[in-house]
Each structure stands twice: as structure tokens, then as C-alpha cells.
Amino acid sequence: MKMNNESGRSMVEMLGVLAIIGVLSIGGIAGYTIAMNRYRANEIIDTAANWPLSV
């Protein structure tokens, strides 16, 4: 009988890591999108508040 002493990661472990990375990436993209929308809204509000001065 031959012993199998292979080392490394199993397919299930690799899929788990890939799933975690995917979830974190989606969260990061969603957070970035929300932050950019807030930035654009604040820019519009700031421009509108200072409109008579900038003309």
C-alpha cells in the first residue's frame, strides 16, 4: 500500500477563499459607489449654495 503525502490546499478551501474575496470585493465596490454618489451630491449642493457668488 502506497502512502499519499501530498501537501497543498483542497478544492473546497480554495473555493472558500474565492467566495470570501468575492464578498469583500462586492462590499468594497458598493462602498466606493456610495461614497462617490455622496461626493457628487455634495459638490452639486456646494455649487448651488455659492451660485450667486460664482456668476
PDB file of N, CA and C in Angstrom:
ATOM      1  N   MET A   1       0.839  -1.173   0.000  1.00  0.00           N
ATOM      2  CA  MET A   1       0.000   0.000   0.000  1.00  0.00           C
ATOM      3  C   MET A   1       0.889   1.243   0.000  1.00  0.00           C
ATOM      4  N   LYS A   2       0.556   2.180  -0.831  1.00  0.00           N
ATOM      5  CA  LYS A   2       1.366   3.382  -1.005  1.00  0.00           C
ATOM      6  C   LYS A   2       0.743   4.537  -0.224  1.00  0.00           C
ATOM      7  N   MET A   3       1.553   5.259   0.565  1.00  0.00           N
ATOM      8  CA  MET A   3       1.077   6.424   1.332  1.00  0.00           C
ATOM      9  C   MET A   3       1.023   7.639   0.407  1.00  0.00           C
ATOM     10  N   ASN A   4      -0.012   8.428   0.569  1.00  0.00           N
ATOM     11  CA  ASN A   4      -0.175   9.639  -0.236  1.00  0.00           C
ATOM     12  C   ASN A   4       0.109  10.833   0.673  1.00  0.00           C
ATOM     13  N   ASN A   5       1.295  11.408   0.598  1.00  0.00           N
ATOM     14  CA  ASN A   5       1.715  12.521   1.448  1.00  0.00           C
ATOM     15  C   ASN A   5       1.774  13.824   0.670  1.00  0.00           C
ATOM     16  N   GLU A   6       0.746  14.109  -0.081  1.00  0.00           N
ATOM     17  CA  GLU A   6       0.731  15.360  -0.833  1.00  0.00           C
ATOM     18  C   GLU A   6       0.331  16.503   0.091  1.00  0.00           C
ATOM     19  N   SER A   7       0.989  17.635  -0.082  1.00  0.00           N
ATOM     20  CA  SER A   7       0.628  18.814   0.704  1.00  0.00           C
ATOM     21  C   SER A   7       0.063  19.862  -0.239  1.00  0.00           C
ATOM     22  N   GLY A   8      -0.750  20.736   0.305  1.00  0.00           N
ATOM     23  CA  GLY A   8      -1.353  21.780  -0.511  1.00  0.00           C
ATOM     24  C   GLY A   8      -2.765  22.048  -0.032  1.00  0.00           C
ATOM     25  N   ARG A   9      -3.499  22.784  -0.813  1.00  0.00           N
ATOM     26  CA  ARG A   9      -4.850  23.170  -0.457  1.00  0.00           C
ATOM     27  C   ARG A   9      -5.854  22.324  -1.226  1.00  0.00           C
ATOM     28  N   SER A  10      -6.963  22.029  -0.568  1.00  0.00           N
ATOM     29  CA  SER A  10      -8.009  21.277  -1.248  1.00  0.00           C
ATOM     30  C   SER A  10      -8.858  22.243  -2.081  1.00  0.00           C
ATOM     31  N   MET A  11      -9.661  21.683  -2.956  1.00  0.00           N
ATOM     32  CA  MET A  11     -10.521  22.485  -3.813  1.00  0.00           C
ATOM     33  C   MET A  11     -11.556  23.242  -2.976  1.00  0.00           C
ATOM     34  N   VAL A  12     -12.065  22.623  -1.927  1.00  0.00           N
ATOM     35  CA  VAL A  12     -13.062  23.274  -1.075  1.00  0.00           C
ATOM     36  C   VAL A  12     -12.450  24.488  -0.385  1.00  0.00           C
ATOM     37  N   GLU A  13     -11.227  24.373   0.089  1.00  0.00           N
ATOM     38  CA  GLU A  13     -10.559  25.519   0.729  1.00  0.00           C
ATOM     39  C   GLU A  13     -10.354  26.656  -0.259  1.00  0.00           C
ATOM     40  N   MET A  14      -9.947  26.321  -1.460  1.00  0.00           N
ATOM     41  CA  MET A  14      -9.731  27.357  -2.469  1.00  0.00           C
ATOM     42  C   MET A  14     -11.041  28.036  -2.856  1.00  0.00           C
ATOM     43  N   LEU A  15     -12.119  27.275  -2.972  1.00  0.00           N
ATOM     44  CA  LEU A  15     -13.414  27.871  -3.288  1.00  0.00           C
ATOM     45  C   LEU A  15     -13.907  28.750  -2.145  1.00  0.00           C
ATOM     46  N   GLY A  16     -13.624  28.352  -0.910  1.00  0.00           N
ATOM     47  CA  GLY A  16     -13.994  29.175   0.238  1.00  0.00           C
ATOM     48  C   GLY A  16     -13.276  30.506   0.230  1.00  0.00           C
ATOM     49  N   VAL A  17     -11.987  30.477  -0.044  1.00  0.00           N
ATOM     50  CA  VAL A  17     -11.204  31.716  -0.110  1.00  0.00           C
ATOM     51  C   VAL A  17     -11.705  32.594  -1.250  1.00  0.00           C
ATOM     52  N   LEU A  18     -12.007  31.976  -2.383  1.00  0.00           N
ATOM     53  CA  LEU A  18     -12.518  32.730  -3.520  1.00  0.00           C
ATOM     54  C   LEU A  18     -13.864  33.377  -3.194  1.00  0.00           C
ATOM     55  N   ALA A  19     -14.718  32.666  -2.481  1.00  0.00           N
ATOM     56  CA  ALA A  19     -16.013  33.223  -2.095  1.00  0.00           C
ATOM     57  C   ALA A  19     -15.836  34.403  -1.145  1.00  0.00           C
ATOM     58  N   ILE A  20     -14.928  34.286  -0.192  1.00  0.00           N
ATOM     59  CA  ILE A  20     -14.674  35.384   0.752  1.00  0.00           C
ATOM     60  C   ILE A  20     -14.149  36.612   0.011  1.00  0.00           C
ATOM     61  N   ILE A  21     -13.221  36.405  -0.897  1.00  0.00           N
ATOM     62  CA  ILE A  21     -12.668  37.520  -1.673  1.00  0.00           C
ATOM     63  C   ILE A  21     -13.767  38.171  -2.513  1.00  0.00           C
ATOM     64  N   GLY A  22     -14.655  37.363  -3.075  1.00  0.00           N
ATOM     65  CA  GLY A  22     -15.756  37.900  -3.872  1.00  0.00           C
ATOM     66  C   GLY A  22     -16.694  38.764  -3.046  1.00  0.00           C
ATOM     67  N   VAL A  23     -17.038  38.293  -1.849  1.00  0.00           N
ATOM     68  CA  VAL A  23     -17.935  39.059  -0.981  1.00  0.00           C
ATOM     69  C   VAL A  23     -17.279  40.373  -0.564  1.00  0.00           C
ATOM     70  N   LEU A  24     -16.011  40.336  -0.196  1.00  0.00           N
ATOM     71  CA  LEU A  24     -15.311  41.560   0.198  1.00  0.00           C
ATOM     72  C   LEU A  24     -15.190  42.538  -0.972  1.00  0.00           C
ATOM     73  N   SER A  25     -14.974  42.017  -2.168  1.00  0.00           N
ATOM     74  CA  SER A  25     -14.871  42.884  -3.348  1.00  0.00           C
ATOM     75  C   SER A  25     -16.196  43.572  -3.637  1.00  0.00           C
ATOM     76  N   ILE A  26     -17.284  42.826  -3.542  1.00  0.00           N
ATOM     77  CA  ILE A  26     -18.603  43.407  -3.792  1.00  0.00           C
ATOM     78  C   ILE A  26     -18.892  44.500  -2.755  1.00  0.00           C
ATOM     79  N   GLY A  27     -18.547  44.227  -1.500  1.00  0.00           N
ATOM     80  CA  GLY A  27     -18.738  45.239  -0.461  1.00  0.00           C
ATOM     81  C   GLY A  27     -17.905  46.479  -0.704  1.00  0.00           C
ATOM     82  N   GLY A  28     -16.685  46.299  -1.152  1.00  0.00           N
ATOM     83  CA  GLY A  28     -15.817  47.438  -1.446  1.00  0.00           C
ATOM     84  C   GLY A  28     -16.324  48.263  -2.608  1.00  0.00           C
ATOM     85  N   ILE A  29     -16.788  47.601  -3.651  1.00  0.00           N
ATOM     86  CA  ILE A  29     -17.321  48.323  -4.812  1.00  0.00           C
ATOM     87  C   ILE A  29     -18.582  49.080  -4.426  1.00  0.00           C
ATOM     88  N   ALA A  30     -19.441  48.452  -3.630  1.00  0.00           N
ATOM     89  CA  ALA A  30     -20.668  49.122  -3.193  1.00  0.00           C
ATOM     90  C   ALA A  30     -20.337  50.344  -2.324  1.00  0.00           C
ATOM     91  N   GLY A  31     -19.380  50.199  -1.419  1.00  0.00           N
ATOM     92  CA  GLY A  31     -18.974  51.326  -0.580  1.00  0.00           C
ATOM     93  C   GLY A  31     -18.382  52.460  -1.388  1.00  0.00           C
ATOM     94  N   TYR A  32     -17.581  52.133  -2.376  1.00  0.00           N
ATOM     95  CA  TYR A  32     -16.981  53.149  -3.236  1.00  0.00           C
ATOM     96  C   TYR A  32     -18.056  53.898  -4.019  1.00  0.00           C
ATOM     97  N   THR A  33     -19.037  53.158  -4.535  1.00  0.00           N
ATOM     98  CA  THR A  33     -20.116  53.773  -5.291  1.00  0.00           C
ATOM     99  C   THR A  33     -20.921  54.728  -4.417  1.00  0.00           C
ATOM    100  N   ILE A  34     -21.236  54.317  -3.208  1.00  0.00           N
ATOM    101  CA  ILE A  34     -21.980  55.170  -2.284  1.00  0.00           C
ATOM    102  C   ILE A  34     -21.179  56.425  -1.953  1.00  0.00           C
ATOM    103  N   ALA A  35     -19.879  56.262  -1.701  1.00  0.00           N
ATOM    104  CA  ALA A  35     -19.034  57.410  -1.370  1.00  0.00           C
ATOM    105  C   ALA A  35     -18.950  58.392  -2.542  1.00  0.00           C
ATOM    106  N   MET A  36     -18.838  57.888  -3.760  1.00  0.00           N
ATOM    107  CA  MET A  36     -18.767  58.777  -4.920  1.00  0.00           C
ATOM    108  C   MET A  36     -20.093  59.500  -5.143  1.00  0.00           C
ATOM    109  N   ASN A  37     -21.207  58.815  -4.921  1.00  0.00           N
ATOM    110  CA  ASN A  37     -22.507  59.474  -5.066  1.00  0.00           C
ATOM    111  C   ASN A  37     -22.667  60.589  -4.033  1.00  0.00           C
ATOM    112  N   ARG A  38     -22.228  60.356  -2.805  1.00  0.00           N
ATOM    113  CA  ARG A  38     -22.290  61.400  -1.775  1.00  0.00           C
ATOM    114  C   ARG A  38     -21.396  62.579  -2.148  1.00  0.00           C
ATOM    115  N   TYR A  39     -20.213  62.288  -2.676  1.00  0.00           N
ATOM    116  CA  TYR A  39     -19.290  63.351  -3.086  1.00  0.00           C
ATOM    117  C   TYR A  39     -19.917  64.214  -4.185  1.00  0.00           C
ATOM    118  N   ARG A  40     -20.504  63.560  -5.189  1.00  0.00           N
ATOM    119  CA  ARG A  40     -21.121  64.308  -6.291  1.00  0.00           C
ATOM    120  C   ARG A  40     -22.295  65.146  -5.796  1.00  0.00           C
ATOM    121  N   ALA A  41     -23.095  64.573  -4.890  1.00  0.00           N
ATOM    122  CA  ALA A  41     -24.236  65.316  -4.342  1.00  0.00           C
ATOM    123  C   ALA A  41     -23.747  66.525  -3.557  1.00  0.00           C
ATOM    124  N   ASN A  42     -22.703  66.357  -2.768  1.00  0.00           N
ATOM    125  CA  ASN A  42     -22.157  67.481  -2.006  1.00  0.00           C
ATOM    126  C   ASN A  42     -21.572  68.552  -2.916  1.00  0.00           C
ATOM    127  N   GLU A  43     -20.964  68.139  -4.015  1.00  0.00           N
ATOM    128  CA  GLU A  43     -20.440  69.110  -4.975  1.00  0.00           C
ATOM    129  C   GLU A  43     -21.574  69.924  -5.592  1.00  0.00           C
ATOM    130  N   ILE A  44     -22.668  69.268  -5.933  1.00  0.00           N
ATOM    131  CA  ILE A  44     -23.815  69.972  -6.516  1.00  0.00           C
ATOM    132  C   ILE A  44     -24.419  70.933  -5.503  1.00  0.00           C
ATOM    133  N   ILE A  45     -24.566  70.480  -4.259  1.00  0.00           N
ATOM    134  CA  ILE A  45     -25.122  71.340  -3.207  1.00  0.00           C
ATOM    135  C   ILE A  45     -24.215  72.538  -2.966  1.00  0.00           C
ATOM    136  N   ASP A  46     -22.919  72.312  -2.945  1.00  0.00           N
ATOM    137  CA  ASP A  46     -21.969  73.405  -2.721  1.00  0.00           C
ATOM    138  C   ASP A  46     -22.012  74.409  -3.869  1.00  0.00           C
ATOM    139  N   THR A  47     -22.085  73.908  -5.082  1.00  0.00           N
ATOM    140  CA  THR A  47     -22.159  74.795  -6.246  1.00  0.00           C
ATOM    141  C   THR A  47     -23.452  75.606  -6.220  1.00  0.00           C
ATOM    142  N   ALA A  48     -24.554  74.957  -5.873  1.00  0.00           N
ATOM    143  CA  ALA A  48     -25.837  75.651  -5.819  1.00  0.00           C
ATOM    144  C   ALA A  48     -25.859  76.690  -4.698  1.00  0.00           C
ATOM    145  N   ALA A  49     -25.232  76.378  -3.577  1.00  0.00           N
ATOM    146  CA  ALA A  49     -25.214  77.320  -2.449  1.00  0.00           C
ATOM    147  C   ALA A  49     -24.381  78.558  -2.779  1.00  0.00           C
ATOM    148  N   ASN A  50     -23.348  78.398  -3.582  1.00  0.00           N
ATOM    149  CA  ASN A  50     -22.469  79.513  -3.913  1.00  0.00           C
ATOM    150  C   ASN A  50     -22.762  80.065  -5.316  1.00  0.00           C
ATOM    151  N   TRP A  51     -23.881  79.724  -5.892  1.00  0.00           N
ATOM    152  CA  TRP A  51     -24.149  80.109  -7.285  1.00  0.00           C
ATOM    153  C   TRP A  51     -24.157  81.613  -7.510  1.00  0.00           C
ATOM    154  N   PRO A  52     -24.797  82.428  -6.697  1.00  0.00           N
ATOM    155  CA  PRO A  52     -24.768  83.866  -6.995  1.00  0.00           C
ATOM    156  C   PRO A  52     -23.357  84.453  -6.928  1.00  0.00           C
ATOM    157  N   LEU A  53     -22.490  83.848  -6.113  1.00  0.00           N
ATOM    158  CA  LEU A  53     -21.130  84.360  -5.987  1.00  0.00           C
ATOM    159  C   LEU A  53     -20.257  83.946  -7.156  1.00  0.00           C
ATOM    160  N   SER A  54     -20.561  82.817  -7.794  1.00  0.00           N
ATOM    161  CA  SER A  54     -19.682  82.325  -8.843  1.00  0.00           C
ATOM    162  C   SER A  54     -20.040  82.840 -10.223  1.00  0.00           C
ATOM    163  N   VAL A  55     -21.133  83.595 -10.361  1.00  0.00           N
ATOM    164  CA  VAL A  55     -21.537  84.084 -11.683  1.00  0.00           C
ATOM    165  C   VAL A  55     -20.816  85.355 -12.023  1.00  0.00           C
TER     166      VAL A  55
END
